[in-house]
Amino acid sequence: MPKLIISDLKPGMRLLKPVANPSGMVLLTEGLELTEELIDRLRKMEIESVFVRSGNKPGRPKEVLLAELDYRFKKTETEPQMEVLKRILAQHIAGLYHDDGL
């Protein structure tokens, strides 16, 4: 989850976290694809940096990673806390592949 200064932003990057002004009002939402116009607007509002998604996907297919996750949690299927952890990790893996509808 790289945090980039505004001068390093490029059109096509997507926000990892919402951008808010000093009073907390959300200016740009998470997942929004940046355009040159939006980058200029951030610059004019004196926003110093934003979190953007990494463009790198893992080297292995999502299905392989999810199968490995299932295997690693096989012995703890009956433990509620481990099921929560497994679900969080599965969501993280899906996010690495931008499967969140964005």
Protein backbone atom coordinates (compact mmCIF):
# COMPACT_ATOMS: atom_id res chain seq x y z
CA MET A 1 0.00 0.00 0.00
CA PRO A 2 2.31 2.73 -1.19
CA LYS A 3 1.76 6.29 -0.06
CA LEU A 4 2.78 8.62 -2.86
CA ILE A 5 3.34 12.35 -2.91
CA ILE A 6 1.09 14.16 -5.38
CA SER A 7 3.91 14.83 -7.85
CA ASP A 8 4.41 11.04 -8.23
CA LEU A 9 0.76 10.27 -9.06
CA LYS A 10 -0.13 9.12 -12.57
CA PRO A 11 -3.50 8.91 -14.32
CA GLY A 12 -4.94 5.40 -14.04
CA MET A 13 -3.77 4.78 -10.46
CA ARG A 14 -6.50 3.84 -7.99
CA LEU A 15 -6.88 5.15 -4.47
CA LEU A 16 -6.38 2.58 -1.73
CA LYS A 17 -7.89 4.83 0.95
CA PRO A 18 -10.30 7.77 0.77
CA VAL A 19 -8.81 11.25 0.59
CA ALA A 20 -10.19 13.68 3.17
CA ASN A 21 -9.63 17.34 3.88
CA PRO A 22 -8.27 18.48 7.29
CA SER A 23 -11.81 18.65 8.71
CA GLY A 24 -12.45 15.02 7.76
CA MET A 25 -14.74 15.56 4.78
CA VAL A 26 -14.12 12.86 2.16
CA LEU A 27 -13.00 14.43 -1.10
CA LEU A 28 -12.26 11.28 -3.12
CA THR A 29 -13.46 7.76 -2.35
CA GLU A 30 -11.46 4.57 -2.05
CA GLY A 31 -11.03 2.77 -5.37
CA LEU A 32 -11.43 5.90 -7.48
CA GLU A 33 -9.26 5.93 -10.60
CA LEU A 34 -7.16 9.07 -10.77
CA THR A 35 -7.25 11.33 -13.82
CA GLU A 36 -5.01 14.26 -14.64
CA GLU A 37 -7.85 16.59 -13.58
CA LEU A 38 -8.20 14.91 -10.18
CA ILE A 39 -4.46 15.00 -9.61
CA ASP A 40 -4.44 18.73 -10.42
CA ARG A 41 -7.35 19.26 -8.04
CA LEU A 42 -5.47 17.47 -5.24
CA ARG A 43 -2.45 19.67 -5.92
CA LYS A 44 -4.58 22.84 -5.74
CA MET A 45 -6.13 21.68 -2.45
CA GLU A 46 -2.61 21.25 -1.08
CA ILE A 47 -3.06 17.55 -0.35
CA GLU A 48 0.49 16.29 0.17
CA SER A 49 0.15 12.54 -0.38
CA VAL A 50 -2.35 9.73 -0.90
CA PHE A 51 -2.41 5.95 -0.61
CA VAL A 52 -2.65 4.14 -3.95
CA ARG A 53 -3.05 0.51 -4.84
CA SER A 54 -0.02 -1.41 -5.92
CA GLY A 55 -0.22 -2.44 -9.55
CA ASN A 56 1.57 -5.70 -8.88
CA LYS A 57 -0.42 -8.90 -8.72
CA PRO A 58 0.99 -11.99 -7.07
CA GLY A 59 2.93 -14.36 -9.28
CA ARG A 60 0.47 -17.23 -8.79
CA PRO A 61 -3.20 -17.45 -9.79
CA LYS A 62 -5.81 -16.45 -7.23
CA GLU A 63 -7.32 -19.94 -7.25
CA VAL A 64 -3.97 -21.46 -6.21
CA LEU A 65 -3.60 -19.03 -3.32
CA LEU A 66 -7.15 -19.69 -2.13
CA ALA A 67 -6.61 -23.46 -2.35
CA GLU A 68 -3.45 -23.08 -0.24
CA LEU A 69 -5.40 -21.01 2.26
CA ASP A 70 -8.03 -23.78 2.52
CA TYR A 71 -5.29 -26.36 3.04
CA ARG A 72 -3.53 -24.33 5.74
CA PHE A 73 -6.76 -23.80 7.70
CA LYS A 74 -8.08 -27.37 7.27
CA LYS A 75 -7.17 -28.46 10.82
CA THR A 76 -8.83 -25.43 12.42
CA GLU A 77 -12.19 -25.47 10.60
CA THR A 78 -14.15 -25.82 13.85
CA GLU A 79 -12.52 -22.85 15.58
CA PRO A 80 -14.60 -19.67 15.11
CA GLN A 81 -11.64 -17.31 15.48
CA MET A 82 -9.69 -19.15 12.80
CA GLU A 83 -12.68 -19.00 10.45
CA VAL A 84 -12.74 -15.22 10.85
CA LEU A 85 -9.01 -15.03 10.16
CA LYS A 86 -9.39 -17.26 7.09
CA ARG A 87 -12.20 -15.05 5.74
CA ILE A 88 -10.08 -11.92 6.22
CA LEU A 89 -7.16 -13.51 4.39
CA ALA A 90 -9.42 -14.65 1.54
CA GLN A 91 -10.72 -11.09 1.17
CA HIS A 92 -7.15 -9.81 1.13
CA ILE A 93 -6.21 -12.27 -1.62
CA ALA A 94 -9.25 -11.23 -3.66
CA GLY A 95 -8.21 -7.58 -3.19
CA LEU A 96 -4.77 -8.33 -4.58
CA TYR A 97 -6.49 -9.26 -7.82
CA HIS A 98 -8.84 -6.24 -7.69
CA ASP A 99 -11.90 -8.49 -7.43
CA ASP A 100 -13.83 -5.90 -5.46
CA GLY A 101 -15.87 -4.65 -8.41
CA LEU A 102 -13.63 -1.70 -9.19
